[in-house]
Amino acid sequence: MSEQPVKTVVPRERPVKSPCISVCALNEQDLCEGCFRSGTEISHWGTMNNEERRAVLKLCTERARQMGRLW
């Protein structure tokens, strides 16, 4: 009698949430005035993995500081 391999269930990581706050207006630098993502980052968000999303969120924080919106 052969033993069946034990399947390990690894919980899936939940998707990183979008920083969108429904203030959608791109400025002259192609950055959203609400979430500080670029137009490209916004359009690609749905296909990004969590690592990519976290990298974008870090850029958003840096941009918000540079724009004087975060201290």
C-alpha atoms as a PDB file:
ATOM      1  CA  MET A   1       0.000   0.000   0.000  1.00  0.00           C
ATOM      2  CA  SER A   2       1.547   3.333  -1.095  1.00  0.00           C
ATOM      3  CA  GLU A   3       1.176   6.473   0.933  1.00  0.00           C
ATOM      4  CA  GLN A   4      -0.289   9.604  -0.615  1.00  0.00           C
ATOM      5  CA  PRO A   5       1.923  12.699  -0.370  1.00  0.00           C
ATOM      6  CA  VAL A   6       0.708  15.215   2.158  1.00  0.00           C
ATOM      7  CA  LYS A   7      -0.372  18.436   0.503  1.00  0.00           C
ATOM      8  CA  THR A   8       0.539  21.557   2.389  1.00  0.00           C
ATOM      9  CA  VAL A   9      -1.921  24.382   2.048  1.00  0.00           C
ATOM     10  CA  VAL A  10      -0.147  27.716   1.939  1.00  0.00           C
ATOM     11  CA  PRO A  11      -2.488  30.623   2.543  1.00  0.00           C
ATOM     12  CA  ARG A  12      -2.486  33.101  -0.311  1.00  0.00           C
ATOM     13  CA  GLU A  13      -1.306  36.565   0.486  1.00  0.00           C
ATOM     14  CA  ARG A  14      -4.065  39.133   0.235  1.00  0.00           C
ATOM     15  CA  PRO A  15      -3.597  41.728  -2.517  1.00  0.00           C
ATOM     16  CA  VAL A  16      -2.125  45.052  -1.443  1.00  0.00           C
ATOM     17  CA  LYS A  17      -4.940  47.597  -1.589  1.00  0.00           C
ATOM     18  CA  SER A  18      -4.937  50.510  -3.962  1.00  0.00           C
ATOM     19  CA  PRO A  19      -4.105  53.888  -2.413  1.00  0.00           C
ATOM     20  CA  CYS A  20      -6.888  55.525  -4.441  1.00  0.00           C
ATOM     21  CA  ILE A  21      -8.962  58.009  -2.428  1.00  0.00           C
ATOM     22  CA  SER A  22     -11.280  58.961  -5.325  1.00  0.00           C
ATOM     23  CA  VAL A  23      -9.540  62.269  -5.966  1.00  0.00           C
ATOM     24  CA  CYS A  24      -8.458  61.379  -9.478  1.00  0.00           C
ATOM     25  CA  ALA A  25      -6.679  64.248 -11.200  1.00  0.00           C
ATOM     26  CA  LEU A  26      -3.316  63.946 -12.941  1.00  0.00           C
ATOM     27  CA  ASN A  27      -1.083  66.991 -12.626  1.00  0.00           C
ATOM     28  CA  GLU A  28       1.522  68.302 -15.091  1.00  0.00           C
ATOM     29  CA  GLN A  29       3.992  65.632 -13.912  1.00  0.00           C
ATOM     30  CA  ASP A  30       1.441  62.847 -14.673  1.00  0.00           C
ATOM     31  CA  LEU A  31       0.951  62.224 -10.940  1.00  0.00           C
ATOM     32  CA  CYS A  32      -2.430  61.795  -9.328  1.00  0.00           C
ATOM     33  CA  GLU A  33      -3.188  64.569  -6.846  1.00  0.00           C
ATOM     34  CA  GLY A  34      -5.039  62.077  -4.634  1.00  0.00           C
ATOM     35  CA  CYS A  35      -2.817  58.986  -4.423  1.00  0.00           C
ATOM     36  CA  PHE A  36       0.476  60.233  -5.944  1.00  0.00           C
ATOM     37  CA  ARG A  37       0.711  57.387  -8.472  1.00  0.00           C
ATOM     38  CA  SER A  38       1.664  58.049 -12.075  1.00  0.00           C
ATOM     39  CA  GLY A  39      -0.821  57.409 -14.842  1.00  0.00           C
ATOM     40  CA  THR A  40       1.147  54.311 -15.831  1.00  0.00           C
ATOM     41  CA  GLU A  41       1.208  52.993 -12.262  1.00  0.00           C
ATOM     42  CA  ILE A  42      -2.546  53.486 -11.991  1.00  0.00           C
ATOM     43  CA  SER A  43      -3.225  51.650 -15.242  1.00  0.00           C
ATOM     44  CA  HIS A  44      -0.909  48.743 -14.362  1.00  0.00           C
ATOM     45  CA  TRP A  45      -2.003  48.356 -10.712  1.00  0.00           C
ATOM     46  CA  GLY A  46      -4.394  45.491 -11.483  1.00  0.00           C
ATOM     47  CA  THR A  47      -1.645  43.365 -13.033  1.00  0.00           C
ATOM     48  CA  MET A  48       1.079  44.119 -10.461  1.00  0.00           C
ATOM     49  CA  ASN A  49       2.092  41.600  -7.827  1.00  0.00           C
ATOM     50  CA  ASN A  50       2.279  42.628  -4.167  1.00  0.00           C
ATOM     51  CA  GLU A  51       6.016  43.307  -4.293  1.00  0.00           C
ATOM     52  CA  GLU A  52       5.526  45.711  -7.205  1.00  0.00           C
ATOM     53  CA  ARG A  53       2.583  47.359  -5.467  1.00  0.00           C
ATOM     54  CA  ARG A  54       4.602  47.921  -2.290  1.00  0.00           C
ATOM     55  CA  ALA A  55       7.379  49.514  -4.360  1.00  0.00           C
ATOM     56  CA  VAL A  56       4.824  51.889  -5.920  1.00  0.00           C
ATOM     57  CA  LEU A  57       3.414  52.758  -2.483  1.00  0.00           C
ATOM     58  CA  LYS A  58       6.922  53.634  -1.305  1.00  0.00           C
ATOM     59  CA  LEU A  59       7.321  55.943  -4.328  1.00  0.00           C
ATOM     60  CA  CYS A  60       3.932  57.506  -3.542  1.00  0.00           C
ATOM     61  CA  THR A  61       5.071  58.324  -0.014  1.00  0.00           C
ATOM     62  CA  GLU A  62       8.284  59.893  -1.316  1.00  0.00           C
ATOM     63  CA  ARG A  63       6.346  61.935  -3.886  1.00  0.00           C
ATOM     64  CA  ALA A  64       3.850  63.142  -1.282  1.00  0.00           C
ATOM     65  CA  ARG A  65       6.751  64.357   0.883  1.00  0.00           C
ATOM     66  CA  GLN A  66       8.407  66.097  -2.071  1.00  0.00           C
ATOM     67  CA  MET A  67       5.108  67.811  -2.882  1.00  0.00           C
ATOM     68  CA  GLY A  68       4.746  69.007   0.727  1.00  0.00           C
ATOM     69  CA  ARG A  69       1.668  66.868   1.378  1.00  0.00           C
ATOM     70  CA  LEU A  70       3.266  64.594   3.955  1.00  0.00           C
ATOM     71  CA  TRP A  71       5.633  65.508   6.740  1.00  0.00           C
END
